[in-house]
């Protein structure tokens, strides 16, 4: 099983008039920015791999699906593989 860690990321997000949020891109701790190709789904959920709760977005980045979590306190995080920095 792959080891994961919670990594807080900067998120470029559009806030809609109905109060919802649409994430557009994420910026990792290594300053790399990745555009979100598509938001597939959104639901309230907990991260079972690294802990934490909030709105879980299933997103597609560079053709791969991953989770992006909005803690609803201005902080966003991903479940990053331990020892691997996105490139």
PDB file of N, CA and C in Angstrom:
ATOM      1  N   UNK A   1       0.838  -1.182   0.000  1.00  0.00           N
ATOM      2  CA  UNK A   1       0.000   0.000   0.000  1.00  0.00           C
ATOM      3  C   UNK A   1       0.886   1.249   0.000  1.00  0.00           C
ATOM      4  N   UNK A   2       0.524   2.195  -0.833  1.00  0.00           N
ATOM      5  CA  UNK A   2       1.296   3.429  -0.905  1.00  0.00           C
ATOM      6  C   UNK A   2       1.036   4.295   0.325  1.00  0.00           C
ATOM      7  N   UNK A   3       2.092   4.889   0.828  1.00  0.00           N
ATOM      8  CA  UNK A   3       1.981   5.802   1.950  1.00  0.00           C
ATOM      9  C   UNK A   3       1.639   7.193   1.418  1.00  0.00           C
ATOM     10  N   UNK A   4       0.743   7.872   2.093  1.00  0.00           N
ATOM     11  CA  UNK A   4       0.310   9.203   1.672  1.00  0.00           C
ATOM     12  C   UNK A   4       0.501  10.202   2.799  1.00  0.00           C
ATOM     13  N   UNK A   5       0.578  11.478   2.417  1.00  0.00           N
ATOM     14  CA  UNK A   5       0.667  12.554   3.401  1.00  0.00           C
ATOM     15  C   UNK A   5      -0.230  13.702   2.960  1.00  0.00           C
ATOM     16  N   UNK A   6      -0.687  14.452   3.931  1.00  0.00           N
ATOM     17  CA  UNK A   6      -1.545  15.607   3.642  1.00  0.00           C
ATOM     18  C   UNK A   6      -0.655  16.763   3.207  1.00  0.00           C
ATOM     19  N   UNK A   7      -0.931  17.293   2.032  1.00  0.00           N
ATOM     20  CA  UNK A   7      -0.174  18.430   1.513  1.00  0.00           C
ATOM     21  C   UNK A   7      -1.158  19.553   1.223  1.00  0.00           C
ATOM     22  N   UNK A   8      -0.970  20.673   1.914  1.00  0.00           N
ATOM     23  CA  UNK A   8      -1.802  21.845   1.656  1.00  0.00           C
ATOM     24  C   UNK A   8      -1.319  22.513   0.370  1.00  0.00           C
ATOM     25  N   UNK A   9      -2.277  22.919  -0.457  1.00  0.00           N
ATOM     26  CA  UNK A   9      -1.965  23.504  -1.755  1.00  0.00           C
ATOM     27  C   UNK A   9      -2.730  24.809  -1.929  1.00  0.00           C
ATOM     28  N   UNK A  10      -2.183  25.669  -2.786  1.00  0.00           N
ATOM     29  CA  UNK A  10      -2.906  26.870  -3.201  1.00  0.00           C
ATOM     30  C   UNK A  10      -3.854  26.448  -4.310  1.00  0.00           C
ATOM     31  N   UNK A  11      -5.056  27.007  -4.302  1.00  0.00           N
ATOM     32  CA  UNK A  11      -6.041  26.657  -5.317  1.00  0.00           C
ATOM     33  C   UNK A  11      -6.570  27.925  -5.968  1.00  0.00           C
ATOM     34  N   UNK A  12      -6.561  27.933  -7.295  1.00  0.00           N
ATOM     35  CA  UNK A  12      -7.216  28.989  -8.059  1.00  0.00           C
ATOM     36  C   UNK A  12      -8.650  28.513  -8.211  1.00  0.00           C
ATOM     37  N   UNK A  13      -9.577  29.241  -7.618  1.00  0.00           N
ATOM     38  CA  UNK A  13     -10.965  28.792  -7.580  1.00  0.00           C
ATOM     39  C   UNK A  13     -11.901  29.916  -8.002  1.00  0.00           C
ATOM     40  N   UNK A  14     -12.959  29.547  -8.719  1.00  0.00           N
ATOM     41  CA  UNK A  14     -14.003  30.491  -9.089  1.00  0.00           C
ATOM     42  C   UNK A  14     -15.188  30.251  -8.167  1.00  0.00           C
ATOM     43  N   UNK A  15     -15.645  31.311  -7.509  1.00  0.00           N
ATOM     44  CA  UNK A  15     -16.812  31.211  -6.634  1.00  0.00           C
ATOM     45  C   UNK A  15     -18.036  31.642  -7.432  1.00  0.00           C
ATOM     46  N   UNK A  16     -19.010  30.746  -7.491  1.00  0.00           N
ATOM     47  CA  UNK A  16     -20.208  30.971  -8.286  1.00  0.00           C
ATOM     48  C   UNK A  16     -21.247  31.751  -7.464  1.00  0.00           C
ATOM     49  N   UNK A  17     -22.219  32.335  -8.144  1.00  0.00           N
ATOM     50  CA  UNK A  17     -23.252  33.122  -7.464  1.00  0.00           C
ATOM     51  C   UNK A  17     -24.144  32.264  -6.574  1.00  0.00           C
ATOM     52  N   UNK A  18     -24.214  30.955  -6.826  1.00  0.00           N
ATOM     53  CA  UNK A  18     -25.039  30.076  -5.992  1.00  0.00           C
ATOM     54  C   UNK A  18     -24.294  29.614  -4.737  1.00  0.00           C
ATOM     55  N   UNK A  19     -23.058  30.110  -4.543  1.00  0.00           N
ATOM     56  CA  UNK A  19     -22.275  29.767  -3.366  1.00  0.00           C
ATOM     57  C   UNK A  19     -21.325  28.606  -3.561  1.00  0.00           C
ATOM     58  N   UNK A  20     -21.404  27.942  -4.686  1.00  0.00           N
ATOM     59  CA  UNK A  20     -20.505  26.816  -4.937  1.00  0.00           C
ATOM     60  C   UNK A  20     -19.147  27.321  -5.419  1.00  0.00           C
ATOM     61  N   UNK A  21     -18.171  26.432  -5.350  1.00  0.00           N
ATOM     62  CA  UNK A  21     -16.815  26.760  -5.780  1.00  0.00           C
ATOM     63  C   UNK A  21     -16.410  25.823  -6.910  1.00  0.00           C
ATOM     64  N   UNK A  22     -15.647  26.341  -7.854  1.00  0.00           N
ATOM     65  CA  UNK A  22     -15.153  25.541  -8.969  1.00  0.00           C
ATOM     66  C   UNK A  22     -13.626  25.699  -9.022  1.00  0.00           C
ATOM     67  N   UNK A  23     -12.865  24.686  -8.540  1.00  0.00           N
ATOM     68  CA  UNK A  23     -11.406  24.788  -8.592  1.00  0.00           C
ATOM     69  C   UNK A  23     -10.899  24.703 -10.032  1.00  0.00           C
ATOM     70  N   UNK A  24      -9.951  25.569 -10.380  1.00  0.00           N
ATOM     71  CA  UNK A  24      -9.413  25.641 -11.739  1.00  0.00           C
ATOM     72  C   UNK A  24      -7.985  25.122 -11.848  1.00  0.00           C
ATOM     73  N   UNK A  25      -7.183  25.329 -10.800  1.00  0.00           N
ATOM     74  CA  UNK A  25      -5.774  24.917 -10.825  1.00  0.00           C
ATOM     75  C   UNK A  25      -5.275  24.788  -9.392  1.00  0.00           C
ATOM     76  N   UNK A  26      -4.239  23.951  -9.213  1.00  0.00           N
ATOM     77  CA  UNK A  26      -3.613  23.824  -7.897  1.00  0.00           C
ATOM     78  C   UNK A  26      -2.120  24.096  -8.029  1.00  0.00           C
ATOM     79  N   UNK A  27      -1.566  24.676  -6.976  1.00  0.00           N
ATOM     80  CA  UNK A  27      -0.139  24.985  -6.927  1.00  0.00           C
ATOM     81  C   UNK A  27       0.450  24.239  -5.740  1.00  0.00           C
ATOM     82  N   UNK A  28       1.412  23.342  -6.025  1.00  0.00           N
ATOM     83  CA  UNK A  28       2.028  22.520  -4.991  1.00  0.00           C
ATOM     84  C   UNK A  28       3.135  23.271  -4.267  1.00  0.00           C
ATOM     85  N   UNK A  29       3.622  22.644  -3.192  1.00  0.00           N
ATOM     86  CA  UNK A  29       4.678  23.234  -2.369  1.00  0.00           C
ATOM     87  C   UNK A  29       5.964  23.468  -3.162  1.00  0.00           C
ATOM     88  N   UNK A  30       6.139  22.758  -4.286  1.00  0.00           N
ATOM     89  CA  UNK A  30       7.336  22.952  -5.113  1.00  0.00           C
ATOM     90  C   UNK A  30       7.126  24.040  -6.158  1.00  0.00           C
ATOM     91  N   UNK A  31       6.031  24.790  -6.042  1.00  0.00           N
ATOM     92  CA  UNK A  31       5.674  25.920  -6.907  1.00  0.00           C
ATOM     93  C   UNK A  31       5.178  25.492  -8.286  1.00  0.00           C
ATOM     94  N   UNK A  32       5.029  24.189  -8.525  1.00  0.00           N
ATOM     95  CA  UNK A  32       4.473  23.722  -9.796  1.00  0.00           C
ATOM     96  C   UNK A  32       2.961  23.920  -9.767  1.00  0.00           C
ATOM     97  N   UNK A  33       2.414  24.437 -10.874  1.00  0.00           N
ATOM     98  CA  UNK A  33       0.987  24.659 -10.991  1.00  0.00           C
ATOM     99  C   UNK A  33       0.409  23.692 -12.003  1.00  0.00           C
ATOM    100  N   UNK A  34      -0.716  23.083 -11.640  1.00  0.00           N
ATOM    101  CA  UNK A  34      -1.384  22.115 -12.503  1.00  0.00           C
ATOM    102  C   UNK A  34      -2.818  22.563 -12.735  1.00  0.00           C
ATOM    103  N   UNK A  35      -3.194  22.656 -14.002  1.00  0.00           N
ATOM    104  CA  UNK A  35      -4.568  22.997 -14.337  1.00  0.00           C
ATOM    105  C   UNK A  35      -5.462  21.789 -14.097  1.00  0.00           C
ATOM    106  N   UNK A  36      -6.643  22.053 -13.613  1.00  0.00           N
ATOM    107  CA  UNK A  36      -7.638  20.999 -13.429  1.00  0.00           C
ATOM    108  C   UNK A  36      -8.400  20.895 -14.740  1.00  0.00           C
ATOM    109  N   UNK A  37      -8.288  19.734 -15.378  1.00  0.00           N
ATOM    110  CA  UNK A  37      -8.940  19.523 -16.662  1.00  0.00           C
ATOM    111  C   UNK A  37     -10.457  19.456 -16.514  1.00  0.00           C
ATOM    112  N   UNK A  38     -10.891  18.830 -15.420  1.00  0.00           N
ATOM    113  CA  UNK A  38     -12.332  18.632 -15.232  1.00  0.00           C
ATOM    114  C   UNK A  38     -12.638  18.338 -13.775  1.00  0.00           C
ATOM    115  N   UNK A  39     -13.729  18.909 -13.278  1.00  0.00           N
ATOM    116  CA  UNK A  39     -14.254  18.535 -11.965  1.00  0.00           C
ATOM    117  C   UNK A  39     -15.299  17.459 -12.241  1.00  0.00           C
ATOM    118  N   UNK A  40     -15.048  16.260 -11.727  1.00  0.00           N
ATOM    119  CA  UNK A  40     -15.918  15.120 -12.004  1.00  0.00           C
ATOM    120  C   UNK A  40     -17.071  15.049 -11.017  1.00  0.00           C
ATOM    121  N   UNK A  41     -16.775  15.245  -9.736  1.00  0.00           N
ATOM    122  CA  UNK A  41     -17.833  15.225  -8.728  1.00  0.00           C
ATOM    123  C   UNK A  41     -17.394  15.994  -7.502  1.00  0.00           C
ATOM    124  N   UNK A  42     -18.367  16.230  -6.639  1.00  0.00           N
ATOM    125  CA  UNK A  42     -18.096  16.942  -5.389  1.00  0.00           C
ATOM    126  C   UNK A  42     -19.070  16.428  -4.353  1.00  0.00           C
ATOM    127  N   UNK A  43     -18.561  16.155  -3.143  1.00  0.00           N
ATOM    128  CA  UNK A  43     -19.413  15.665  -2.059  1.00  0.00           C
ATOM    129  C   UNK A  43     -18.708  15.917  -0.728  1.00  0.00           C
ATOM    130  N   UNK A  44     -19.477  15.884   0.343  1.00  0.00           N
ATOM    131  CA  UNK A  44     -18.885  16.009   1.672  1.00  0.00           C
ATOM    132  C   UNK A  44     -18.305  14.650   2.032  1.00  0.00           C
ATOM    133  N   UNK A  45     -17.026  14.628   2.413  1.00  0.00           N
ATOM    134  CA  UNK A  45     -16.376  13.344   2.702  1.00  0.00           C
ATOM    135  C   UNK A  45     -15.145  13.561   3.567  1.00  0.00           C
ATOM    136  N   UNK A  46     -14.663  12.449   4.118  1.00  0.00           N
ATOM    137  CA  UNK A  46     -13.431  12.448   4.905  1.00  0.00           C
ATOM    138  C   UNK A  46     -12.328  11.795   4.092  1.00  0.00           C
ATOM    139  N   UNK A  47     -11.115  12.227   4.328  1.00  0.00           N
ATOM    140  CA  UNK A  47      -9.961  11.575   3.733  1.00  0.00           C
ATOM    141  C   UNK A  47      -9.597  10.397   4.620  1.00  0.00           C
ATOM    142  N   UNK A  48      -9.707   9.201   4.094  1.00  0.00           N
ATOM    143  CA  UNK A  48      -9.366   8.010   4.872  1.00  0.00           C
ATOM    144  C   UNK A  48      -7.867   7.737   4.856  1.00  0.00           C
ATOM    145  N   UNK A  49      -7.138   8.389   3.955  1.00  0.00           N
ATOM    146  CA  UNK A  49      -5.700   8.133   3.831  1.00  0.00           C
ATOM    147  C   UNK A  49      -4.848   9.049   4.696  1.00  0.00           C
ATOM    148  N   UNK A  50      -5.263  10.324   4.852  1.00  0.00           N
ATOM    149  CA  UNK A  50      -4.421  11.275   5.585  1.00  0.00           C
ATOM    150  C   UNK A  50      -5.173  12.029   6.676  1.00  0.00           C
ATOM    151  N   UNK A  51      -6.453  11.769   6.822  1.00  0.00           N
ATOM    152  CA  UNK A  51      -7.254  12.466   7.823  1.00  0.00           C
ATOM    153  C   UNK A  51      -7.729  13.815   7.327  1.00  0.00           C
ATOM    154  N   UNK A  52      -8.787  14.285   7.911  1.00  0.00           N
ATOM    155  CA  UNK A  52      -9.356  15.570   7.525  1.00  0.00           C
ATOM    156  C   UNK A  52     -10.690  15.367   6.828  1.00  0.00           C
ATOM    157  N   UNK A  53     -11.534  16.391   6.901  1.00  0.00           N
ATOM    158  CA  UNK A  53     -12.850  16.331   6.282  1.00  0.00           C
ATOM    159  C   UNK A  53     -13.145  17.629   5.558  1.00  0.00           C
ATOM    160  N   UNK A  54     -14.202  17.605   4.780  1.00  0.00           N
ATOM    161  CA  UNK A  54     -14.632  18.799   4.069  1.00  0.00           C
ATOM    162  C   UNK A  54     -15.331  18.411   2.789  1.00  0.00           C
ATOM    163  N   UNK A  55     -15.242  19.274   1.809  1.00  0.00           N
ATOM    164  CA  UNK A  55     -15.802  18.986   0.496  1.00  0.00           C
ATOM    165  C   UNK A  55     -14.713  18.303  -0.323  1.00  0.00           C
ATOM    166  N   UNK A  56     -15.002  17.078  -0.778  1.00  0.00           N
ATOM    167  CA  UNK A  56     -14.036  16.333  -1.590  1.00  0.00           C
ATOM    168  C   UNK A  56     -14.410  16.486  -3.054  1.00  0.00           C
ATOM    169  N   UNK A  57     -13.487  17.038  -3.815  1.00  0.00           N
ATOM    170  CA  UNK A  57     -13.655  17.168  -5.256  1.00  0.00           C
ATOM    171  C   UNK A  57     -12.877  16.042  -5.928  1.00  0.00           C
ATOM    172  N   UNK A  58     -13.544  15.313  -6.780  1.00  0.00           N
ATOM    173  CA  UNK A  58     -12.845  14.360  -7.644  1.00  0.00           C
ATOM    174  C   UNK A  58     -12.535  15.137  -8.907  1.00  0.00           C
ATOM    175  N   UNK A  59     -11.235  15.286  -9.197  1.00  0.00           N
ATOM    176  CA  UNK A  59     -10.816  16.110 -10.333  1.00  0.00           C
ATOM    177  C   UNK A  59      -9.906  15.306 -11.263  1.00  0.00           C
ATOM    178  N   UNK A  60      -9.821  15.756 -12.494  1.00  0.00           N
ATOM    179  CA  UNK A  60      -8.901  15.165 -13.459  1.00  0.00           C
ATOM    180  C   UNK A  60      -7.810  16.186 -13.757  1.00  0.00           C
ATOM    181  N   UNK A  61      -6.559  15.769 -13.514  1.00  0.00           N
ATOM    182  CA  UNK A  61      -5.386  16.600 -13.764  1.00  0.00           C
ATOM    183  C   UNK A  61      -4.434  15.793 -14.632  1.00  0.00           C
ATOM    184  N   UNK A  62      -4.068  16.315 -15.776  1.00  0.00           N
ATOM    185  CA  UNK A  62      -3.161  15.628 -16.711  1.00  0.00           C
ATOM    186  C   UNK A  62      -3.668  14.208 -17.019  1.00  0.00           C
ATOM    187  N   UNK A  63      -4.977  14.068 -17.150  1.00  0.00           N
ATOM    188  CA  UNK A  63      -5.571  12.788 -17.507  1.00  0.00           C
ATOM    189  C   UNK A  63      -5.749  11.805 -16.364  1.00  0.00           C
ATOM    190  N   UNK A  64      -5.370  12.174 -15.135  1.00  0.00           N
ATOM    191  CA  UNK A  64      -5.483  11.272 -13.993  1.00  0.00           C
ATOM    192  C   UNK A  64      -6.470  11.829 -12.972  1.00  0.00           C
ATOM    193  N   UNK A  65      -7.314  10.938 -12.434  1.00  0.00           N
ATOM    194  CA  UNK A  65      -8.263  11.347 -11.410  1.00  0.00           C
ATOM    195  C   UNK A  65      -7.595  11.352 -10.042  1.00  0.00           C
ATOM    196  N   UNK A  66      -7.922  12.362  -9.258  1.00  0.00           N
ATOM    197  CA  UNK A  66      -7.404  12.476  -7.902  1.00  0.00           C
ATOM    198  C   UNK A  66      -8.410  13.240  -7.064  1.00  0.00           C
ATOM    199  N   UNK A  67      -8.189  13.255  -5.754  1.00  0.00           N
ATOM    200  CA  UNK A  67      -9.068  13.992  -4.851  1.00  0.00           C
ATOM    201  C   UNK A  67      -8.412  15.301  -4.431  1.00  0.00           C
ATOM    202  N   UNK A  68      -9.228  16.334  -4.313  1.00  0.00           N
ATOM    203  CA  UNK A  68      -8.837  17.634  -3.798  1.00  0.00           C
ATOM    204  C   UNK A  68      -9.852  17.973  -2.713  1.00  0.00           C
ATOM    205  N   UNK A  69      -9.374  18.293  -1.517  1.00  0.00           N
ATOM    206  CA  UNK A  69     -10.258  18.545  -0.382  1.00  0.00           C
ATOM    207  C   UNK A  69     -10.270  20.020  -0.012  1.00  0.00           C
ATOM    208  N   UNK A  70     -11.473  20.548   0.200  1.00  0.00           N
ATOM    209  CA  UNK A  70     -11.679  21.911   0.687  1.00  0.00           C
ATOM    210  C   UNK A  70     -12.130  21.781   2.136  1.00  0.00           C
ATOM    211  N   UNK A  71     -11.274  22.182   3.080  1.00  0.00           N
ATOM    212  CA  UNK A  71     -11.616  22.089   4.505  1.00  0.00           C
ATOM    213  C   UNK A  71     -12.654  23.127   4.930  1.00  0.00           C
ATOM    214  N   UNK A  72     -13.013  24.016   4.018  1.00  0.00           N
ATOM    215  CA  UNK A  72     -14.011  25.069   4.252  1.00  0.00           C
ATOM    216  C   UNK A  72     -13.568  26.099   5.277  1.00  0.00           C
ATOM    217  N   UNK A  73     -12.263  26.212   5.484  1.00  0.00           N
ATOM    218  CA  UNK A  73     -11.706  27.240   6.357  1.00  0.00           C
ATOM    219  C   UNK A  73     -10.635  28.032   5.595  1.00  0.00           C
ATOM    220  N   UNK A  74     -10.721  27.943   4.260  1.00  0.00           N
ATOM    221  CA  UNK A  74      -9.733  28.610   3.419  1.00  0.00           C
ATOM    222  C   UNK A  74      -8.544  27.732   3.087  1.00  0.00           C
ATOM    223  N   UNK A  75      -8.519  26.495   3.600  1.00  0.00           N
ATOM    224  CA  UNK A  75      -7.399  25.588   3.351  1.00  0.00           C
ATOM    225  C   UNK A  75      -7.847  24.427   2.459  1.00  0.00           C
ATOM    226  N   UNK A  76      -6.995  24.097   1.504  1.00  0.00           N
ATOM    227  CA  UNK A  76      -7.223  22.997   0.577  1.00  0.00           C
ATOM    228  C   UNK A  76      -6.051  22.033   0.691  1.00  0.00           C
ATOM    229  N   UNK A  77      -6.315  20.716   0.531  1.00  0.00           N
ATOM    230  CA  UNK A  77      -5.223  19.750   0.563  1.00  0.00           C
ATOM    231  C   UNK A  77      -5.451  18.594  -0.398  1.00  0.00           C
ATOM    232  N   UNK A  78      -4.357  17.904  -0.695  1.00  0.00           N
ATOM    233  CA  UNK A  78      -4.378  16.688  -1.510  1.00  0.00           C
ATOM    234  C   UNK A  78      -3.709  15.575  -0.721  1.00  0.00           C
ATOM    235  N   UNK A  79      -3.954  14.336  -1.149  1.00  0.00           N
ATOM    236  CA  UNK A  79      -3.333  13.166  -0.550  1.00  0.00           C
ATOM    237  C   UNK A  79      -2.119  12.804  -1.419  1.00  0.00           C
ATOM    238  N   UNK A  80      -0.971  13.381  -1.113  1.00  0.00           N
ATOM    239  CA  UNK A  80       0.233  13.183  -1.927  1.00  0.00           C
ATOM    240  C   UNK A  80       0.968  11.918  -1.510  1.00  0.00           C
ATOM    241  N   UNK A  81       1.593  11.288  -2.480  1.00  0.00           N
ATOM    242  CA  UNK A  81       2.420  10.123  -2.177  1.00  0.00           C
ATOM    243  C   UNK A  81       3.620  10.569  -1.365  1.00  0.00           C
ATOM    244  N   UNK A  82       3.968   9.812  -0.324  1.00  0.00           N
ATOM    245  CA  UNK A  82       5.112  10.143   0.518  1.00  0.00           C
ATOM    246  C   UNK A  82       6.387   9.977  -0.293  1.00  0.00           C
ATOM    247  N   UNK A  83       7.264  10.953  -0.169  1.00  0.00           N
ATOM    248  CA  UNK A  83       8.558  10.881  -0.837  1.00  0.00           C
ATOM    249  C   UNK A  83       8.525  11.244  -2.295  1.00  0.00           C
ATOM    250  N   UNK A  84       7.377  11.637  -2.794  1.00  0.00           N
ATOM    251  CA  UNK A  84       7.276  12.004  -4.208  1.00  0.00           C
ATOM    252  C   UNK A  84       6.724  13.401  -4.316  1.00  0.00           C
ATOM    253  N   UNK A  85       7.440  14.234  -5.024  1.00  0.00           N
ATOM    254  CA  UNK A  85       6.991  15.590  -5.286  1.00  0.00           C
ATOM    255  C   UNK A  85       6.477  15.613  -6.714  1.00  0.00           C
ATOM    256  N   UNK A  86       5.268  16.134  -6.955  1.00  0.00           N
ATOM    257  CA  UNK A  86       4.744  16.190  -8.317  1.00  0.00           C
ATOM    258  C   UNK A  86       5.699  16.933  -9.231  1.00  0.00           C
ATOM    259  N   UNK A  87       5.790  16.520 -10.487  1.00  0.00           N
ATOM    260  CA  UNK A  87       6.663  17.210 -11.445  1.00  0.00           C
ATOM    261  C   UNK A  87       5.883  17.772 -12.582  1.00  0.00           C
TER     262      UNK A  87
END
